[in-house]
Protein backbone atom coordinates (compact mmCIF):
# COMPACT_ATOMS: atom_id res chain seq x y z
CA MET A 1 -36.44 17.82 -12.82
CA PRO A 2 -36.11 16.96 -16.52
CA ARG A 3 -34.07 20.15 -17.11
CA VAL A 4 -31.60 19.18 -14.42
CA MET A 5 -31.18 15.75 -16.00
CA VAL A 6 -30.61 17.29 -19.42
CA ILE A 7 -28.00 19.67 -18.02
CA LEU A 8 -26.22 16.89 -16.11
CA MET A 9 -26.23 14.57 -19.11
CA THR A 10 -24.87 17.36 -21.32
CA LEU A 11 -22.10 18.08 -18.84
CA MET A 12 -21.27 14.38 -18.65
CA PHE A 13 -20.78 14.21 -22.41
CA VAL A 14 -19.06 17.57 -22.83
CA LEU A 15 -16.63 17.61 -19.90
CA PRO A 16 -13.50 15.45 -20.04
CA SER A 17 -13.90 12.12 -18.34
CA ASP A 18 -10.29 11.06 -18.01
CA GLY A 19 -9.54 12.82 -14.74
CA SER A 20 -7.63 11.01 -12.05
CA ALA A 21 -7.65 11.47 -8.29
CA GLN A 22 -4.11 10.14 -8.02
CA ALA A 23 -1.26 12.59 -7.97
CA VAL A 24 1.75 11.93 -10.12
CA PRO A 25 4.85 11.34 -7.97
CA SER A 26 7.24 14.25 -7.73
CA PRO A 27 11.05 14.06 -7.73
CA GLY A 28 12.37 12.78 -4.43
CA ASP A 29 9.35 10.56 -3.67
CA ARG A 30 10.09 6.95 -2.79
CA ILE A 31 8.68 4.71 -5.51
CA ARG A 32 8.65 1.03 -6.43
CA ILE A 33 8.65 -0.11 -10.06
CA LYS A 34 7.65 -3.64 -11.07
CA GLN A 35 8.83 -4.30 -14.60
CA VAL A 36 7.27 -6.63 -17.14
CA ASP A 37 10.16 -9.11 -16.76
CA GLY A 38 9.58 -9.35 -12.98
CA THR A 39 12.40 -7.05 -11.86
CA VAL A 40 11.48 -4.83 -8.90
CA LEU A 41 13.30 -1.53 -8.31
CA VAL A 42 12.85 0.64 -5.20
CA GLY A 43 14.32 4.10 -4.87
CA ALA A 44 13.77 7.83 -5.09
CA LEU A 45 12.28 9.34 -8.23
CA ALA A 46 14.95 11.45 -9.92
CA ALA A 47 13.29 12.48 -13.21
CA TRP A 48 10.23 11.59 -15.25
CA SER A 49 9.64 11.99 -18.96
CA GLU A 50 7.18 10.48 -21.45
CA GLU A 51 9.62 7.73 -22.42
CA THR A 52 11.62 6.98 -19.26
CA ILE A 53 11.64 7.21 -15.49
CA GLN A 54 14.97 7.83 -13.79
CA LEU A 55 15.28 6.29 -10.36
CA SER A 56 18.02 6.82 -7.75
CA VAL A 57 18.82 3.38 -6.33
CA ASP A 58 21.72 3.02 -3.88
CA SER A 59 23.49 6.22 -5.03
CA SER A 60 23.25 5.27 -8.71
CA ARG A 61 20.74 6.25 -11.35
CA VAL A 62 18.67 3.66 -13.16
CA GLU A 63 16.69 4.56 -16.26
CA VAL A 64 13.54 2.51 -16.85
CA PRO A 65 11.53 2.79 -20.08
CA VAL A 66 7.87 3.54 -19.36
CA ALA A 67 6.85 0.83 -21.85
CA ARG A 68 8.52 -1.83 -19.63
CA ILE A 69 6.76 -0.78 -16.41
CA GLU A 70 3.99 -3.10 -15.25
CA VAL A 71 3.20 -1.43 -11.89
CA LEU A 72 4.30 1.91 -10.46
CA GLU A 73 3.72 2.49 -6.74
CA THR A 74 4.47 5.31 -4.32
CA SER A 75 5.39 4.74 -0.70
CA LEU A 76 2.87 5.63 1.99
CA GLY A 77 5.49 5.10 4.69
CA ARG A 78 6.00 2.44 7.31
CA ASP A 79 3.19 1.60 9.69
CA VAL A 80 2.11 -1.12 12.11
CA SER A 81 0.34 -3.92 10.29
CA PRO A 82 -2.66 -5.36 12.15
CA LYS A 83 -2.09 -8.67 10.36
CA ILE A 84 1.53 -8.96 11.52
CA LEU A 85 0.54 -7.80 15.01
CA GLY A 86 -2.13 -10.51 15.27
CA ILE A 87 0.13 -13.25 13.92
CA SER A 88 3.01 -12.35 16.26
CA MET A 89 0.70 -12.21 19.29
CA ALA A 90 -0.96 -15.54 18.44
CA ALA A 91 2.33 -17.34 17.78
CA ALA A 92 4.05 -15.96 20.87
CA SER A 93 1.08 -16.73 23.13
CA VAL A 94 0.99 -20.36 21.95
CA VAL A 95 4.74 -20.66 22.54
CA GLY A 96 4.36 -18.99 25.96
CA ALA A 97 1.53 -21.35 26.96
CA THR A 98 3.58 -24.35 25.87
CA ILE A 99 6.57 -23.17 27.87
CA GLY A 100 4.27 -22.57 30.86
CA ALA A 101 2.93 -26.12 30.62
CA ILE A 102 6.43 -27.60 30.35
CA ALA A 103 8.05 -25.41 33.03
CA TRP A 104 5.30 -25.90 35.63
CA LYS A 105 6.35 -27.10 39.06
CA PRO A 106 4.09 -27.61 42.02
CA CYS A 107 4.44 -24.91 44.62
CA THR A 108 6.10 -26.04 47.84
CA PHE A 109 6.60 -23.11 50.20
CA LEU A 110 7.01 -19.56 48.78
CA CYS A 111 6.15 -19.25 45.11
CA PHE A 112 7.28 -16.18 43.21
CA SER A 113 7.51 -17.56 39.70
CA PRO A 114 4.36 -17.62 37.59
CA PHE A 115 5.28 -21.18 36.65
CA GLU A 116 5.21 -22.42 40.25
CA SER A 117 1.63 -22.82 41.34
CA GLU A 118 -0.77 -25.35 42.70
CA ARG A 119 -2.29 -26.06 39.27
CA ARG A 120 -0.73 -26.44 35.83
CA SER A 121 -3.50 -24.33 34.26
CA THR A 122 -2.28 -21.27 36.16
CA ALA A 123 1.20 -21.71 34.69
CA VAL A 124 -0.27 -22.19 31.20
CA LEU A 125 -2.34 -18.98 31.54
CA ALA A 126 0.70 -17.06 32.83
CA GLY A 127 2.78 -18.30 29.90
CA PHE A 128 -0.04 -17.42 27.49
CA GLY A 129 -0.26 -13.87 28.88
CA LEU A 130 3.49 -13.30 28.90
CA GLY A 131 3.76 -14.70 25.38
CA ALA A 132 0.95 -12.43 24.13
CA LEU A 133 2.70 -9.42 25.68
CA GLY A 134 5.99 -10.38 24.03
CA GLY A 135 4.21 -10.90 20.69
CA LEU A 136 2.59 -7.47 21.03
CA LEU A 137 5.99 -5.85 21.51
CA VAL A 138 7.47 -7.69 18.53
CA GLY A 139 4.45 -6.83 16.35
CA LEU A 140 4.71 -3.14 17.24
CA PHE A 141 8.34 -3.01 16.11
CA ILE A 142 7.78 -4.73 12.75
CA ARG A 143 6.66 -1.94 10.43
CA PRO A 144 6.30 -2.96 6.78
CA GLU A 145 6.28 -0.33 4.07
CA ARG A 146 2.86 0.32 2.52
CA TRP A 147 2.54 1.08 -1.21
CA ASN A 148 -0.09 2.91 -3.25
CA PRO A 149 -0.39 2.06 -6.97
CA VAL A 150 -0.19 5.01 -9.34
CA SER A 151 -1.45 4.92 -12.89
CA LEU A 152 0.99 6.05 -15.51
CA PRO A 153 -0.47 8.95 -17.43
CA ALA A 154 -0.93 8.07 -21.07
CA PRO A 155 0.71 10.47 -23.48
CA THR A 156 -1.94 12.74 -24.87
CA ALA A 157 -1.64 14.14 -28.32
CA PRO A 158 -3.72 17.06 -29.49
CA ARG A 159 -6.87 15.70 -31.07
CA LEU A 160 -10.33 16.59 -32.21
CA THR A 161 -13.15 14.08 -31.88
CA ILE A 162 -16.72 14.12 -33.02
CA ARG A 163 -19.28 12.45 -30.79
CA PRO A 164 -23.06 12.37 -30.49
CA MET A 165 -24.83 14.69 -28.11
CA ILE A 166 -28.26 14.42 -26.53
CA GLY A 167 -30.92 14.43 -29.18
CA SER A 168 -29.91 14.31 -32.81
CA ARG A 169 -27.12 16.86 -32.61
CA VAL A 170 -23.42 16.26 -33.14
CA GLY A 171 -20.83 17.74 -30.81
CA PHE A 172 -17.12 18.39 -31.08
CA ALA A 173 -14.60 17.69 -28.34
CA GLY A 174 -10.97 18.67 -28.45
CA SER A 175 -7.91 18.36 -26.30
CA ILE A 176 -4.57 20.11 -26.35
CA ARG A 177 -1.42 19.35 -24.45
CA VAL A 178 0.09 22.04 -22.26
CA GLY A 179 3.48 21.39 -20.67
CA GLY A 180 4.69 18.07 -19.27
CA PHE A 181 3.11 15.71 -16.79
């Protein structure tokens, strides 16, 4: 067991630790940029360099310096939001129950309307159910866009560092840059 720990600790110090599980957006991806001054731009990624990001917004190109970007996010698409679905169902069911209570009439002979019954509570429950159904339909059609934050890769310059290793030894670590992002 001690050998395994020594090997794992050595690998932890020797291997690079700046890996990221996030993929860098590729040209054509829908992205949202929040700038330091509060401006928000949404569009398709046109080009990406170390200094700037070019974004296609409404058939025009906007160039944003990387230094002015506070948050960069990629679109995950539009999907049903459980929060919006719940809020729309709750609001519509309360409105439906209120309408059922107001529109209630006592049943006289043949009653076909859910708001004509012997008791007001039946009309309130019918309005609540119809309102919840209407809220469900509205909530299913409202599809907000979901966003995933992406970290901007820091420019890496070739470097050589000296750092301690396990025991009293000194190790060398180096990095070189190959290609672009």
